[in-house]
């Protein structure tokens, strides 16, 4: 059996050791020009760009609530990452004449201009939202938008019918069913 004095001595020794504990440098990896690389190995310009990036923080419960509302499936026969809702597709909303879209963009996004151009030719009313503004960031967070550009299509009752992140995905959504273009370009 140990005495109280021995236990106090052990506690004092451990506390002294803990004061001299120093961690190691954490290696941070981030995506740059299509691949992941250690941030400390980036050139000065890329490190400065990294400091200006905004992080989207996902709330898992909101994502599950949002994604649980739709029965999402891969578009059959299409070589695309676009997913659409099986129960409420864009052509249904378009037939009722009330479909709309929201386009989430950033000023510094190199992929946003072609998607903006494509959206201007859509036969839908739409809104462009800059996620660099506090209001745009709040709206993007509320809908679970994790990257720019993102186009969200809504039907007349305000339900999301599909998402796209590129011109190719927008076009595949328009040709999703029966090969007939719903949204012509």
Protein backbone atom coordinates (compact mmCIF):
# COMPACT_ATOMS: atom_id res chain seq x y z
CA UNK A 1 0.00 0.00 0.00
CA UNK A 2 1.29 3.47 -0.95
CA UNK A 3 1.27 6.30 1.50
CA UNK A 4 -0.23 9.73 0.90
CA UNK A 5 3.27 11.21 0.84
CA UNK A 6 4.34 8.84 -1.97
CA UNK A 7 1.20 9.66 -3.98
CA UNK A 8 1.78 13.43 -3.52
CA UNK A 9 5.39 12.97 -4.65
CA UNK A 10 4.23 11.12 -7.80
CA UNK A 11 1.70 13.85 -8.54
CA UNK A 12 4.36 16.55 -8.15
CA UNK A 13 6.73 14.61 -10.44
CA UNK A 14 4.05 14.19 -13.16
CA UNK A 15 3.12 17.89 -12.96
CA UNK A 16 6.79 18.85 -13.42
CA UNK A 17 7.01 16.55 -16.46
CA UNK A 18 3.81 18.03 -17.93
CA UNK A 19 5.23 21.56 -17.75
CA UNK A 20 8.05 20.52 -20.08
CA UNK A 21 5.84 18.84 -22.67
CA UNK A 22 6.07 20.50 -26.07
CA UNK A 23 4.00 19.34 -29.04
CA UNK A 24 5.22 18.87 -32.56
CA UNK A 25 4.31 21.02 -35.53
CA UNK A 26 1.07 19.91 -37.18
CA UNK A 27 1.27 19.24 -40.87
CA UNK A 28 -1.68 20.83 -42.72
CA UNK A 29 -2.64 19.54 -46.15
CA UNK A 30 -4.99 21.38 -48.49
CA UNK A 31 -6.02 21.10 -52.11
CA UNK A 32 -4.03 23.23 -54.51
CA UNK A 33 -4.34 23.12 -58.29
CA UNK A 34 -6.11 19.76 -58.26
CA UNK A 35 -4.08 17.81 -55.70
CA UNK A 36 -3.35 17.84 -51.97
CA UNK A 37 -0.03 19.16 -50.72
CA UNK A 38 1.45 20.34 -47.44
CA UNK A 39 0.66 24.02 -46.91
CA UNK A 40 4.17 24.70 -45.58
CA UNK A 41 5.55 23.73 -49.02
CA UNK A 42 3.35 26.18 -50.92
CA UNK A 43 4.85 29.29 -52.44
CA UNK A 44 4.21 32.63 -50.75
CA UNK A 45 1.34 33.62 -53.05
CA UNK A 46 -0.56 30.37 -52.52
CA UNK A 47 -0.08 30.60 -48.73
CA UNK A 48 -1.55 34.13 -48.82
CA UNK A 49 -4.49 32.84 -50.86
CA UNK A 50 -4.97 30.05 -48.31
CA UNK A 51 -5.20 32.65 -45.51
CA UNK A 52 -8.11 34.34 -47.35
CA UNK A 53 -10.12 31.14 -47.85
CA UNK A 54 -13.43 30.78 -46.08
CA UNK A 55 -14.32 27.43 -44.59
CA UNK A 56 -17.84 26.10 -44.78
CA UNK A 57 -18.65 24.38 -41.51
CA UNK A 58 -21.19 21.62 -42.00
CA UNK A 59 -23.87 20.94 -39.45
CA UNK A 60 -24.47 17.18 -39.77
CA UNK A 61 -28.04 17.35 -38.49
CA UNK A 62 -28.95 19.99 -41.09
CA UNK A 63 -27.36 17.93 -43.85
CA UNK A 64 -29.26 14.80 -42.81
CA UNK A 65 -32.53 16.75 -42.60
CA UNK A 66 -31.89 18.30 -46.01
CA UNK A 67 -30.77 15.12 -47.74
CA UNK A 68 -33.45 13.00 -46.07
CA UNK A 69 -36.17 15.04 -47.75
CA UNK A 70 -35.19 13.71 -51.19
CA UNK A 71 -34.83 10.26 -52.69
CA UNK A 72 -31.62 10.96 -54.59
CA UNK A 73 -30.46 8.75 -57.45
CA UNK A 74 -27.72 8.92 -60.06
CA UNK A 75 -29.03 10.03 -63.46
CA UNK A 76 -29.33 6.78 -65.46
CA UNK A 77 -27.10 6.48 -68.50
CA UNK A 78 -25.30 9.75 -67.84
CA UNK A 79 -21.60 10.05 -67.19
CA UNK A 80 -21.97 12.84 -64.65
CA UNK A 81 -21.87 13.53 -60.93
CA UNK A 82 -25.18 15.38 -61.06
CA UNK A 83 -27.88 13.91 -58.88
CA UNK A 84 -31.53 14.68 -59.18
CA UNK A 85 -34.63 13.90 -57.22
CA UNK A 86 -36.55 10.90 -58.47
CA UNK A 87 -39.86 12.36 -57.37
CA UNK A 88 -39.55 15.96 -58.52
CA UNK A 89 -37.41 16.56 -61.59
CA UNK A 90 -36.68 19.86 -63.30
CA UNK A 91 -38.94 19.11 -66.26
CA UNK A 92 -41.97 18.76 -63.93
CA UNK A 93 -41.31 22.14 -62.40
CA UNK A 94 -40.61 23.66 -65.82
CA UNK A 95 -43.92 22.38 -67.21
CA UNK A 96 -45.74 24.31 -64.50
CA UNK A 97 -43.79 27.46 -65.43
CA UNK A 98 -42.71 28.30 -61.89
CA UNK A 99 -39.21 26.81 -61.69
CA UNK A 100 -36.33 29.00 -60.56
CA UNK A 101 -32.69 28.66 -59.64
CA UNK A 102 -30.16 30.11 -57.22
CA UNK A 103 -26.54 30.37 -58.33
CA UNK A 104 -23.92 30.51 -55.53
CA UNK A 105 -20.64 32.12 -56.66
CA UNK A 106 -17.45 33.73 -55.37
CA UNK A 107 -15.57 36.65 -56.91
CA UNK A 108 -12.29 34.72 -56.99
CA UNK A 109 -13.78 31.46 -58.35
CA UNK A 110 -12.24 30.45 -61.70
CA UNK A 111 -15.10 28.02 -62.45
CA UNK A 112 -17.94 30.49 -61.83
CA UNK A 113 -17.92 32.55 -65.10
CA UNK A 114 -18.88 29.67 -67.44
CA UNK A 115 -21.65 28.56 -65.06
CA UNK A 116 -22.92 32.16 -64.79
CA UNK A 117 -22.98 32.38 -68.60
CA UNK A 118 -24.84 29.08 -68.88
CA UNK A 119 -27.42 30.17 -66.28
CA UNK A 120 -28.18 33.40 -68.14
CA UNK A 121 -29.43 31.31 -71.07
CA UNK A 122 -31.77 29.19 -68.91
CA UNK A 123 -35.49 29.73 -69.49
CA UNK A 124 -35.92 30.10 -65.72
CA UNK A 125 -35.86 33.05 -63.39
CA UNK A 126 -32.86 32.99 -61.14
CA UNK A 127 -30.79 34.75 -58.57
CA UNK A 128 -27.02 35.03 -58.24
CA UNK A 129 -25.78 34.89 -54.63
CA UNK A 130 -22.24 35.91 -53.67
CA UNK A 131 -21.07 33.67 -50.81
CA UNK A 132 -18.34 36.17 -49.93
CA UNK A 133 -21.00 38.43 -48.40
CA UNK A 134 -22.36 37.67 -44.91
CA UNK A 135 -25.92 37.30 -46.26
CA UNK A 136 -24.79 35.02 -49.10
CA UNK A 137 -22.68 32.92 -46.75
CA UNK A 138 -25.62 32.53 -44.35
CA UNK A 139 -27.94 31.47 -47.20
CA UNK A 140 -25.36 29.00 -48.56
CA UNK A 141 -24.83 27.52 -45.09
CA UNK A 142 -28.56 27.15 -44.55
CA UNK A 143 -28.90 25.13 -47.78
CA UNK A 144 -25.75 23.06 -47.30
CA UNK A 145 -23.80 24.61 -50.18
CA UNK A 146 -20.18 23.52 -49.79
CA UNK A 147 -18.55 24.79 -52.98
CA UNK A 148 -18.81 27.45 -55.64
CA UNK A 149 -20.25 27.42 -58.20
CA UNK A 150 -23.41 25.61 -57.13
CA UNK A 151 -26.73 25.96 -58.91
CA UNK A 152 -29.82 24.84 -57.00
CA UNK A 153 -33.05 24.38 -58.93
CA UNK A 154 -36.43 24.82 -57.18
CA UNK A 155 -39.98 23.99 -58.24
CA UNK A 156 -42.96 26.35 -57.88
CA UNK A 157 -43.52 25.34 -54.25
CA UNK A 158 -39.90 26.09 -53.33
CA UNK A 159 -38.72 22.49 -53.08
CA UNK A 160 -35.25 21.69 -54.35
CA UNK A 161 -35.35 19.63 -57.55
CA UNK A 162 -31.65 19.38 -58.37
CA UNK A 163 -28.10 20.68 -57.97
CA UNK A 164 -25.32 21.27 -60.45
CA UNK A 165 -21.75 22.49 -60.15
CA UNK A 166 -20.71 22.81 -63.79
CA UNK A 167 -22.10 23.52 -67.25
CA UNK A 168 -21.95 19.79 -67.99
CA UNK A 169 -24.05 18.98 -64.92
CA UNK A 170 -26.61 21.69 -65.78
CA UNK A 171 -26.95 20.21 -69.26
CA UNK A 172 -27.24 16.66 -67.92
CA UNK A 173 -30.05 17.77 -65.60
CA UNK A 174 -31.85 19.28 -68.57
CA UNK A 175 -31.55 16.00 -70.53
CA UNK A 176 -32.10 13.66 -67.58
CA UNK A 177 -35.32 12.02 -68.66
CA UNK A 178 -36.18 10.60 -72.09
CA UNK A 179 -33.25 12.40 -73.67
CA UNK A 180 -35.41 15.43 -74.35
CA UNK A 181 -33.95 18.79 -73.41
CA UNK A 182 -36.04 20.55 -70.83
CA UNK A 183 -33.68 23.47 -70.52
CA UNK A 184 -32.39 24.48 -73.95
CA UNK A 185 -29.09 26.28 -74.44
